[in-house]
Protein backbone atom coordinates (compact mmCIF):
# COMPACT_ATOMS: atom_id res chain seq x y z
CA MET A 1 -42.14 47.74 -36.69
CA ASN A 2 -44.63 45.33 -35.12
CA LYS A 3 -47.78 44.20 -36.87
CA ALA A 4 -50.08 46.71 -35.09
CA SER A 5 -47.93 49.71 -35.92
CA ALA A 6 -49.12 49.73 -39.54
CA PHE A 7 -52.44 50.97 -38.19
CA ASP A 8 -51.43 52.70 -34.96
CA ASP A 9 -48.48 54.84 -36.04
CA TRP A 10 -49.78 56.83 -39.00
CA ASP A 11 -46.86 59.25 -39.13
CA ASN A 12 -44.17 56.57 -39.35
CA ALA A 13 -45.93 53.78 -41.20
CA PRO A 14 -45.12 53.04 -44.88
CA LEU A 15 -47.63 54.19 -47.50
CA ILE A 16 -49.09 50.69 -47.82
CA ALA A 17 -48.73 47.99 -45.18
CA SER A 18 -49.47 44.29 -45.68
CA ILE A 19 -51.15 42.27 -43.00
CA ASP A 20 -50.36 38.61 -42.88
CA THR A 21 -53.59 37.08 -41.65
CA LYS A 22 -52.01 33.64 -41.41
CA GLU A 23 -50.22 34.65 -38.21
CA ARG A 24 -53.56 35.82 -36.73
CA HIS A 25 -55.47 32.62 -37.53
CA SER A 26 -53.41 29.67 -36.28
CA ALA A 27 -56.02 27.03 -35.58
CA THR A 28 -54.86 23.51 -36.48
CA GLY A 29 -56.42 20.43 -37.93
CA GLY A 30 -59.84 19.32 -39.17
CA ALA A 31 -62.72 21.73 -39.75
CA GLY A 32 -60.81 24.53 -38.03
CA ALA A 33 -57.97 24.25 -40.53
CA ARG A 34 -60.34 24.21 -43.49
CA GLN A 35 -62.18 27.23 -42.12
CA ASN A 36 -58.95 29.15 -41.59
CA SER A 37 -57.80 28.26 -45.08
CA ALA A 38 -60.98 29.77 -46.53
CA LEU A 39 -60.56 32.88 -44.37
CA GLU A 40 -56.95 33.25 -45.46
CA LYS A 41 -57.97 33.32 -49.10
CA LEU A 42 -60.40 36.13 -48.37
CA GLN A 43 -58.30 38.14 -45.91
CA THR A 44 -54.65 37.77 -46.92
CA LYS A 45 -52.88 40.93 -48.07
CA GLN A 46 -55.40 43.51 -46.89
CA LEU A 47 -54.07 47.03 -47.43
CA ALA A 48 -54.00 49.80 -44.85
CA VAL A 49 -55.57 53.11 -45.80
CA TYR A 50 -53.93 56.51 -45.27
CA PRO A 51 -55.53 59.97 -45.28
CA ASP A 52 -53.45 61.29 -48.18
CA GLN A 53 -55.06 58.68 -50.43
CA LYS A 54 -58.46 60.33 -50.00
CA ARG A 55 -59.87 62.71 -52.59
CA VAL A 56 -63.19 64.46 -53.09
CA VAL A 57 -63.80 62.29 -56.17
CA ASN A 58 -61.76 59.54 -57.82
CA GLY A 59 -60.07 58.66 -54.52
CA ARG A 60 -58.05 55.48 -53.92
CA ALA A 61 -58.91 55.06 -50.25
CA ASP A 62 -61.44 52.67 -48.74
CA ILE A 63 -64.81 54.45 -48.79
CA ASN A 64 -65.83 52.54 -45.64
CA GLN A 65 -62.94 53.80 -43.47
CA LEU A 66 -63.86 57.08 -41.82
CA ALA A 67 -60.75 58.05 -39.88
CA PRO A 68 -58.12 59.39 -39.87
CA PHE A 69 -59.79 62.33 -41.61
CA LYS A 70 -58.36 64.09 -44.60
CA TYR A 71 -61.21 66.59 -44.43
CA PRO A 72 -61.83 67.21 -40.70
CA TRP A 73 -63.92 70.24 -41.62
CA ALA A 74 -66.50 67.88 -43.16
CA TRP A 75 -66.86 66.07 -39.83
CA ASP A 76 -67.27 69.46 -38.13
CA PHE A 77 -70.12 70.24 -40.52
CA PHE A 78 -71.80 66.98 -39.50
CA LEU A 79 -71.43 67.78 -35.79
CA ASN A 80 -72.75 71.33 -36.29
CA ALA A 81 -75.73 70.05 -38.27
CA ASN A 82 -76.69 67.76 -35.38
CA ARG A 83 -76.58 70.72 -32.98
CA ASN A 84 -79.31 72.32 -35.09
CA HIS A 85 -81.71 69.40 -34.63
CA TRP A 86 -85.39 70.36 -34.52
CA THR A 87 -88.83 69.29 -35.80
CA PRO A 88 -91.78 71.39 -36.98
CA LEU A 89 -94.08 69.93 -34.33
CA GLU A 90 -92.25 71.87 -31.62
CA ILE A 91 -93.32 75.27 -33.00
CA PRO A 92 -96.93 76.35 -32.33
CA MET A 93 -98.97 77.57 -35.29
CA ALA A 94 -102.35 78.43 -33.74
CA GLN A 95 -101.75 82.14 -34.28
CA ASP A 96 -100.71 81.46 -37.90
CA VAL A 97 -104.11 79.91 -38.59
CA HIS A 98 -105.78 83.06 -37.27
CA ASP A 99 -103.40 85.31 -39.23
CA TYR A 100 -103.96 83.43 -42.48
CA GLN A 101 -107.74 83.43 -42.17
CA HIS A 102 -108.29 86.92 -40.73
CA LYS A 103 -105.22 89.15 -41.09
CA LEU A 104 -103.49 88.43 -44.40
CA ASN A 105 -104.85 90.36 -47.36
CA PRO A 106 -105.20 88.61 -50.77
CA ALA A 107 -101.76 89.76 -51.96
CA GLU A 108 -100.12 88.45 -48.79
CA ARG A 109 -101.91 85.09 -49.04
CA HIS A 110 -100.80 84.88 -52.69
CA VAL A 111 -97.17 85.43 -51.63
CA PHE A 112 -97.32 82.95 -48.76
CA GLU A 113 -98.97 80.16 -50.74
CA ASN A 114 -96.67 80.43 -53.75
CA VAL A 115 -93.49 80.59 -51.70
CA LEU A 116 -94.70 77.41 -49.99
CA ALA A 117 -95.54 75.83 -53.36
CA TYR A 118 -92.04 76.51 -54.70
CA LEU A 119 -90.27 75.30 -51.57
CA THR A 120 -92.15 71.99 -51.34
CA THR A 121 -90.90 70.90 -54.76
CA SER A 122 -87.41 72.37 -54.39
CA ASP A 123 -86.52 70.50 -51.22
CA ILE A 124 -87.62 67.18 -52.69
CA LEU A 125 -85.46 67.91 -55.73
CA ALA A 126 -82.53 68.78 -53.45
CA MET A 127 -82.99 65.59 -51.42
CA ARG A 128 -82.97 63.38 -54.49
CA ASN A 129 -79.94 64.98 -56.10
CA ILE A 130 -77.81 64.71 -52.98
CA GLY A 131 -79.01 61.26 -52.01
CA LEU A 132 -79.12 59.59 -55.42
CA ALA A 133 -76.35 61.33 -57.36
CA VAL A 134 -73.86 63.46 -55.46
CA MET A 135 -73.13 61.16 -52.52
CA GLU A 136 -72.08 58.22 -54.66
CA LYS A 137 -69.45 60.36 -56.38
CA MET A 138 -67.82 61.47 -53.12
CA SER A 139 -64.90 59.14 -52.38
CA ALA A 140 -64.18 60.21 -48.78
CA PRO A 141 -66.63 58.91 -46.13
CA GLU A 142 -66.50 62.08 -44.02
CA LEU A 143 -67.98 63.94 -47.02
CA GLN A 144 -70.68 61.33 -47.48
CA ILE A 145 -71.65 61.33 -43.80
CA TYR A 146 -72.44 65.06 -43.80
CA GLN A 147 -74.39 64.63 -47.02
CA ALA A 148 -76.39 61.82 -45.45
CA ARG A 149 -77.40 64.30 -42.76
CA GLN A 150 -78.20 66.79 -45.52
CA VAL A 151 -80.55 64.28 -47.17
CA TYR A 152 -82.37 63.88 -43.84
CA GLU A 153 -82.62 67.67 -43.45
CA GLU A 154 -84.14 68.09 -46.91
CA ALA A 155 -86.76 65.50 -45.94
CA LEU A 156 -87.32 67.37 -42.66
CA HIS A 157 -87.85 70.61 -44.59
CA THR A 158 -90.41 68.92 -46.82
CA TRP A 159 -92.18 67.69 -43.68
CA THR A 160 -92.17 71.28 -42.41
CA TYR A 161 -93.87 72.64 -45.52
CA GLN A 162 -96.39 69.79 -45.40
CA HIS A 163 -97.04 70.56 -41.73
CA CYS A 164 -97.75 74.20 -42.63
CA ILE A 165 -100.04 73.15 -45.48
CA GLU A 166 -102.00 70.75 -43.26
CA THR A 167 -102.19 73.12 -40.30
CA LEU A 168 -103.50 75.99 -42.42
CA GLY A 169 -105.97 73.72 -44.23
CA LEU A 170 -104.61 74.48 -47.70
CA ASN A 171 -105.58 72.41 -50.73
CA GLN A 172 -102.67 69.98 -51.00
CA GLN A 173 -103.23 68.97 -54.60
CA GLU A 174 -103.48 72.57 -55.69
CA ILE A 175 -100.36 73.69 -53.77
CA TYR A 176 -98.20 70.79 -54.88
CA ASN A 177 -99.25 71.19 -58.52
CA ARG A 178 -98.39 74.87 -58.77
CA TYR A 179 -94.84 74.16 -59.87
CA ARG A 180 -96.32 72.36 -62.87
CA VAL A 181 -99.00 74.88 -63.85
CA VAL A 182 -97.45 78.23 -62.88
CA PRO A 183 -94.82 79.04 -65.54
CA GLU A 184 -92.75 81.29 -63.27
CA ILE A 185 -92.39 78.57 -60.63
CA ASN A 186 -91.89 75.85 -63.21
CA ALA A 187 -89.06 77.81 -64.87
CA LYS A 188 -86.92 77.62 -61.71
CA ILE A 189 -87.55 73.90 -61.28
CA ALA A 190 -86.94 73.27 -64.98
CA MET A 191 -83.62 75.12 -64.88
CA ALA A 192 -82.55 73.14 -61.83
CA ASN A 193 -83.49 69.85 -63.47
CA ARG A 194 -81.68 70.76 -66.67
CA ARG A 195 -78.50 71.78 -64.85
CA LEU A 196 -78.53 68.91 -62.36
CA ASN A 197 -80.11 65.81 -63.85
CA GLY A 198 -77.85 65.41 -66.86
CA VAL A 199 -74.51 65.76 -65.11
CA LEU A 200 -75.24 64.49 -61.60
CA GLN A 201 -76.58 61.17 -62.83
CA ALA A 202 -75.31 58.07 -61.07
CA GLY A 203 -72.44 56.20 -62.70
CA ARG A 204 -70.97 59.11 -64.65
CA LEU A 205 -67.19 58.64 -64.73
CA LEU A 206 -65.36 61.68 -63.38
CA SER A 207 -61.96 60.51 -64.59
CA ASN A 208 -62.93 62.25 -67.83
CA ARG A 209 -61.95 65.94 -67.58
CA GLU A 210 -65.03 67.17 -69.45
CA ALA A 211 -67.33 65.16 -67.20
CA LEU A 212 -65.41 66.41 -64.16
CA HIS A 213 -65.86 70.04 -65.27
CA ASP A 214 -69.58 69.48 -65.86
CA PHE A 215 -69.93 67.90 -62.41
CA ALA A 216 -68.07 70.77 -60.70
CA LEU A 217 -70.21 73.37 -62.50
CA ALA A 218 -73.44 71.51 -61.67
CA TYR A 219 -72.50 71.07 -58.02
CA LEU A 220 -71.57 74.77 -57.87
CA PHE A 221 -75.00 75.62 -59.25
CA PHE A 222 -76.64 73.40 -56.66
CA ALA A 223 -74.68 74.75 -53.67
CA ALA A 224 -74.24 78.41 -54.60
CA VAL A 225 -77.37 79.19 -56.65
CA PHE A 226 -80.08 76.66 -55.83
CA GLU A 227 -79.40 76.49 -52.09
CA GLY A 228 -77.19 79.54 -51.55
CA CYS A 229 -79.33 82.10 -53.41
CA TRP A 230 -82.75 80.75 -54.32
CA PHE A 231 -83.42 79.21 -50.91
CA TYR A 232 -81.73 81.99 -48.96
CA ASN A 233 -83.60 84.67 -50.91
CA GLY A 234 -86.75 82.58 -51.13
CA PHE A 235 -87.60 82.87 -47.44
CA SER A 236 -87.40 86.67 -47.46
CA PRO A 237 -91.10 87.37 -48.27
CA ILE A 238 -92.17 85.26 -45.27
CA PHE A 239 -89.63 87.02 -43.04
CA ALA A 240 -91.12 90.32 -44.25
CA LEU A 241 -94.48 89.16 -42.89
CA GLN A 242 -92.83 88.03 -39.67
CA ARG A 243 -91.34 91.49 -39.14
CA ARG A 244 -94.89 92.82 -39.02
CA GLY A 245 -95.98 90.17 -36.50
CA LEU A 246 -97.66 87.89 -39.05
CA MET A 247 -97.22 84.13 -39.65
CA LYS A 248 -94.63 83.90 -36.89
CA GLY A 249 -94.81 80.13 -36.44
CA ALA A 250 -94.23 79.41 -40.12
CA ALA A 251 -91.45 82.00 -40.21
CA GLU A 252 -89.72 80.50 -37.18
CA GLN A 253 -89.69 77.13 -38.93
CA LEU A 254 -88.15 78.81 -41.97
CA GLN A 255 -85.50 80.31 -39.70
CA TYR A 256 -84.42 76.81 -38.70
CA ILE A 257 -84.52 75.72 -42.34
CA MET A 258 -82.45 78.76 -43.26
CA ARG A 259 -79.77 77.73 -40.80
CA ASP A 260 -79.67 74.26 -42.35
CA GLU A 261 -79.43 75.73 -45.84
CA VAL A 262 -76.59 78.05 -44.88
CA LEU A 263 -74.64 75.00 -43.73
CA HIS A 264 -75.54 73.13 -46.95
CA CYS A 265 -74.32 76.05 -49.02
CA ALA A 266 -71.12 76.51 -47.02
CA PHE A 267 -70.32 72.80 -47.20
CA GLY A 268 -70.92 72.69 -50.95
CA ILE A 269 -68.72 75.72 -51.53
CA ARG A 270 -65.94 74.18 -49.42
CA VAL A 271 -66.18 70.94 -51.40
CA ILE A 272 -66.04 72.79 -54.72
CA ARG A 273 -62.96 74.77 -53.69
CA GLN A 274 -61.28 71.54 -52.54
CA LEU A 275 -62.26 69.76 -55.76
CA LEU A 276 -60.92 72.51 -58.01
CA GLN A 277 -57.65 72.55 -56.09
CA GLU A 278 -57.16 68.77 -56.04
CA GLU A 279 -57.99 68.33 -59.71
CA ASN A 280 -56.20 71.49 -60.88
CA LEU A 281 -59.48 72.41 -62.56
CA GLN A 282 -60.48 75.81 -63.97
CA LEU A 283 -64.16 76.54 -64.52
CA ASP A 284 -65.15 78.06 -67.83
CA PRO A 285 -65.84 81.80 -67.18
CA GLN A 286 -68.41 81.95 -69.99
CA ALA A 287 -70.29 78.96 -68.57
CA LEU A 288 -70.37 80.67 -65.18
CA LYS A 289 -71.61 83.92 -66.71
CA ILE A 290 -74.45 82.13 -68.49
CA MET A 291 -75.38 80.26 -65.30
CA TRP A 292 -75.69 83.46 -63.24
CA GLU A 293 -77.64 85.26 -65.97
CA GLU A 294 -80.12 82.39 -66.32
CA ALA A 295 -80.53 82.16 -62.55
CA GLU A 296 -81.20 85.90 -62.29
CA ALA A 297 -83.72 85.82 -65.15
CA VAL A 298 -85.86 83.05 -63.68
CA GLU A 299 -85.64 84.59 -60.19
CA ALA A 300 -86.84 87.94 -61.55
CA ALA A 301 -89.77 86.27 -63.31
CA TYR A 302 -90.63 84.38 -60.12
CA ALA A 303 -90.49 87.60 -58.07
CA GLY A 304 -92.78 89.28 -60.58
CA TYR A 305 -95.34 86.52 -60.16
CA ILE A 306 -95.39 86.08 -56.39
CA LEU A 307 -95.27 89.86 -55.87
CA GLN A 308 -97.68 90.99 -58.56
CA GLU A 309 -98.87 93.35 -55.86
CA SER A 310 -96.35 94.65 -53.35
CA ILE A 311 -96.85 93.77 -49.72
CA LEU A 312 -95.99 96.20 -46.97
CA GLY A 313 -92.19 96.44 -46.76
CA TYR A 314 -91.47 94.10 -49.67
CA ASN A 315 -91.77 94.08 -53.47
CA ALA A 316 -90.45 92.36 -56.60
CA ALA A 317 -87.68 94.90 -57.18
CA LEU A 318 -86.29 94.37 -53.67
CA HIS A 319 -86.45 90.60 -54.10
CA SER A 320 -84.49 90.67 -57.37
CA ALA A 321 -81.96 93.18 -56.10
CA GLN A 322 -81.30 91.05 -53.03
CA PHE A 323 -80.74 88.01 -55.24
CA ARG A 324 -77.93 89.88 -57.04
CA PHE A 325 -76.36 90.91 -53.74
CA ILE A 326 -76.42 87.35 -52.36
CA ALA A 327 -75.10 85.99 -55.68
CA ASN A 328 -72.05 88.25 -55.33
CA ARG A 329 -71.53 86.95 -51.80
CA ARG A 330 -71.56 83.34 -53.01
CA ALA A 331 -69.15 84.12 -55.85
CA ARG A 332 -66.69 85.74 -53.43
CA GLN A 333 -66.91 82.69 -51.16
CA LEU A 334 -65.96 80.57 -54.16
CA GLY A 335 -63.05 82.84 -55.03
CA LEU A 336 -64.76 83.90 -58.28
CA ASN A 337 -65.53 87.28 -59.81
CA GLU A 338 -68.81 88.86 -58.74
CA PRO A 339 -71.50 88.29 -61.38
CA PHE A 340 -73.35 91.53 -60.54
CA PRO A 341 -70.78 94.19 -59.61
CA GLY A 342 -72.19 97.00 -57.53
CA ALA A 343 -75.25 95.10 -56.29
CA GLU A 344 -76.32 96.55 -52.94
CA ASN A 345 -77.75 95.00 -49.81
CA VAL A 346 -81.32 96.29 -50.10
CA LEU A 347 -82.55 94.09 -47.21
CA PRO A 348 -80.06 94.79 -44.43
CA TRP A 349 -82.49 93.25 -41.92
CA LEU A 350 -82.47 89.84 -43.63
CA ASP A 351 -79.39 88.30 -42.00
CA GLU A 352 -80.51 89.44 -38.57
CA GLN A 353 -84.11 88.37 -39.18
CA ALA A 354 -82.93 84.92 -40.17
CA ASN A 355 -80.66 84.62 -37.14
CA LEU A 356 -82.06 82.51 -34.30
CA ARG A 357 -79.44 83.23 -31.68
CA LYS A 358 -81.63 85.61 -29.72
CA GLU A 359 -85.01 84.03 -30.46
CA LYS A 360 -87.39 82.20 -28.13
CA ASN A 361 -90.56 80.44 -29.02
CA PHE A 362 -92.99 83.19 -29.94
CA PHE A 363 -95.90 81.83 -27.91
CA GLU A 364 -94.27 80.05 -25.00
CA THR A 365 -91.41 80.89 -22.68
CA ARG A 366 -89.31 77.80 -23.27
CA VAL A 367 -86.18 78.31 -25.35
CA THR A 368 -86.23 76.43 -28.66
CA GLU A 369 -82.59 76.92 -29.55
CA TYR A 370 -81.37 73.51 -28.29
CA GLN A 371 -77.58 73.74 -28.66
CA THR A 372 -77.83 75.98 -31.67
CA GLY A 373 -77.71 79.43 -30.10
CA GLY A 374 -74.03 79.69 -29.30
CA GLY A 375 -72.84 76.64 -31.17
CA LEU A 376 -73.24 77.65 -34.81
CA ALA A 377 -71.56 80.47 -36.67
CA TRP A 378 -73.85 82.46 -38.96
CA GLU A 379 -72.58 82.77 -42.53
């Protein structure tokens, strides 16, 4: 085998190939010789990297070497995410200003404002957990690259909520502080912090089986509950307004966010399944049961607050029932038992309402789908 074949012929190469840098740096005499001697000390015996050395966590491969992929599906997620590129400035909101000031009744304004207040804090929390904790534990670069895109998207979502707040002339201090002063909003954020901050902290060694189990359970909560249920279900009240022709600009922005979040959730679930398989790890059924029960309890309290008064076509009971239905969907995707057997799809319009494949800009004729319309699978 020649020297290049250690890198070029992945099927036939040995597991580890040595590269003799001395043969590639043959300058002679004087400063050139001294320079080459220093380079040889740094570069001699570099080791080739092979895909089967990669792992979700605790991998042995070089974190800086992207390809060949062990997880090509992670790269596909990255490419799909880029096909969904958008910004909030491209969606007109003039009609939303009129709707908010003249068409929404007090109960509808209460719903809209508090959904916005919850989402602003949640996406910042999501951005920080992925960017500061989860990424550094992933030991395959194709996983990290998608998560880098995810960090950007969480920042983009936060920009979107801020754009809505500014456009509608809402009191920023009051909106952003609601998660601190409204117990029902604070309970969801507090649960997320408790389940994420302690186990997703940077530097936690996942070679320990207990720490690895805690990490897997926390990441499952983040992907399947926080993003897969709370976000997915959290947009529903705004989509209910949209169905009646109200707040269409804000709702269209949430449709794009929803598509991002579906990809985040699907990626996280795929990573968890891969992690459990690679590490031969079984999640504690009782810990899962407690997680789902806590998540349902805080979601029900939140629904009771934002929907103290029902709005046309939507109420607290529907919101909570839909959470249970979506929770069962996420559990099935994870290969786990349904936490709420028998839960029914009480909002059959939600998946279609959230789907952008047929949508155009509501107030102009130009299509705002970019590549997304036919390029992304829905759920």
